[in-house]
Structure formats: structure tokens, C-alpha cells
Amino acid sequence: MATIAILIGTQAGARLLAAGSEREAALSAEAFLLRLPVRTLPAPLWVQCADPAVSGRLTGYLNALQAEQVRERGGART
């Protein structure tokens, strides 16, 4: 049973990821975001979870990850 849902918006449409733990949610969303071309970042995302602290941590982490990717890969424009 999924306890965390992450919706990530892309040019091709929305991607819904579901996970049973905070770690699993972070890893699956990170893997998905790292495959996106840098020109599409930052992608809008929404985290749904019963625990607001978990939602906040995941949102902050995934937004920081995207900002880092833009800084690191931004010059390449893949």
C-alpha cells in the first residue's frame, strides 16, 4: 500500500510515482528527475503524504536536486 504519492509534471504529461516509504519515494523520484533533459528543469512536483514533515522534506530535497542539476548540467543544455 502506497503511503506517499509524488506527481511530477513534464512536457509529455504528468508522471505519478507511489511509494511505501520516504526513502523509496526519494529514490524513485530522483531517478525519474535525473533522466529528464536539463532544459525541462525545474519540473513542477507535488508530494502527497499523511505526514506534513515527510511531504516537506521530500519537496525540499527534490527541488534542491533539480536546482543542483540545472547548475551542474545547465551549460550542456541536454
Protein backbone atom coordinates (compact mmCIF):
# COMPACT_ATOMS: atom_id res chain seq x y z
CA MET A 1 0.00 0.00 0.00
CA ALA A 2 1.47 3.34 -1.05
CA THR A 3 1.65 5.97 1.62
CA ILE A 4 3.41 8.64 -0.44
CA ALA A 5 2.43 9.91 -3.88
CA ILE A 6 4.58 12.24 -5.98
CA LEU A 7 3.22 13.86 -9.11
CA ILE A 8 5.84 15.28 -11.48
CA GLY A 9 4.81 17.45 -14.42
CA THR A 10 6.66 17.10 -17.72
CA GLN A 11 6.15 18.36 -21.25
CA ALA A 12 4.89 14.89 -22.17
CA GLY A 13 2.38 14.84 -19.31
CA ALA A 14 2.29 14.05 -15.63
CA ARG A 15 4.06 11.12 -14.00
CA LEU A 16 2.62 9.68 -10.80
CA LEU A 17 5.01 7.82 -8.50
CA ALA A 18 3.85 5.88 -5.45
CA ALA A 19 5.98 4.59 -2.61
CA GLY A 20 5.62 2.92 0.75
CA SER A 21 8.46 4.79 2.45
CA GLU A 22 10.15 8.18 2.35
CA ARG A 23 13.41 6.63 1.12
CA GLU A 24 11.68 4.70 -1.67
CA ALA A 25 9.81 7.85 -2.73
CA ALA A 26 13.00 9.92 -2.80
CA LEU A 27 14.92 7.31 -4.79
CA SER A 28 12.22 6.77 -7.41
CA ALA A 29 11.57 10.50 -7.89
CA GLU A 30 15.31 11.22 -8.06
CA ALA A 31 15.84 8.53 -10.70
CA PHE A 32 12.98 9.94 -12.77
CA LEU A 33 14.15 13.56 -12.47
CA LEU A 34 17.74 12.69 -13.41
CA ARG A 35 16.52 11.25 -16.73
CA LEU A 36 14.78 14.49 -17.72
CA PRO A 37 16.61 16.87 -20.07
CA VAL A 38 18.02 19.82 -18.12
CA ARG A 39 16.04 22.27 -20.26
CA THR A 40 12.84 20.88 -18.72
CA LEU A 41 14.01 21.55 -15.16
CA PRO A 42 12.75 22.54 -12.73
CA ALA A 43 9.75 20.30 -13.27
CA PRO A 44 6.71 21.09 -11.12
CA LEU A 45 6.06 18.47 -8.47
CA TRP A 46 3.56 17.77 -5.74
CA VAL A 47 4.05 15.43 -2.81
CA GLN A 48 1.04 13.94 -1.02
CA CYS A 49 1.51 12.21 2.31
CA ALA A 50 -0.32 11.96 5.63
CA ASP A 51 2.75 13.35 7.42
CA PRO A 52 3.38 17.03 6.57
CA ALA A 53 7.01 16.75 7.73
CA VAL A 54 7.69 13.96 5.22
CA SER A 55 5.99 15.94 2.46
CA GLY A 56 8.10 18.97 3.32
CA ARG A 57 11.37 17.02 3.39
CA LEU A 58 10.69 15.30 0.08
CA THR A 59 9.59 18.53 -1.60
CA GLY A 60 12.66 20.38 -0.37
CA TYR A 61 15.01 17.56 -1.35
CA LEU A 62 13.57 17.16 -4.86
CA ASN A 63 13.54 20.91 -5.50
CA ALA A 64 17.18 21.18 -4.34
CA LEU A 65 18.11 18.22 -6.55
CA GLN A 66 16.61 19.94 -9.58
CA ALA A 67 18.37 23.23 -8.80
CA GLU A 68 21.68 21.36 -8.49
CA GLN A 69 21.12 19.63 -11.83
CA VAL A 70 20.40 22.96 -13.52
CA ARG A 71 23.64 24.39 -12.08
CA GLU A 72 25.75 21.34 -12.95
CA ARG A 73 24.28 20.37 -16.30
CA GLY A 74 22.91 23.75 -17.35
CA GLY A 75 25.88 24.58 -19.54
CA ALA A 76 25.49 21.37 -21.52
CA ARG A 77 21.81 22.03 -22.36
CA THR A 78 20.97 18.38 -22.93
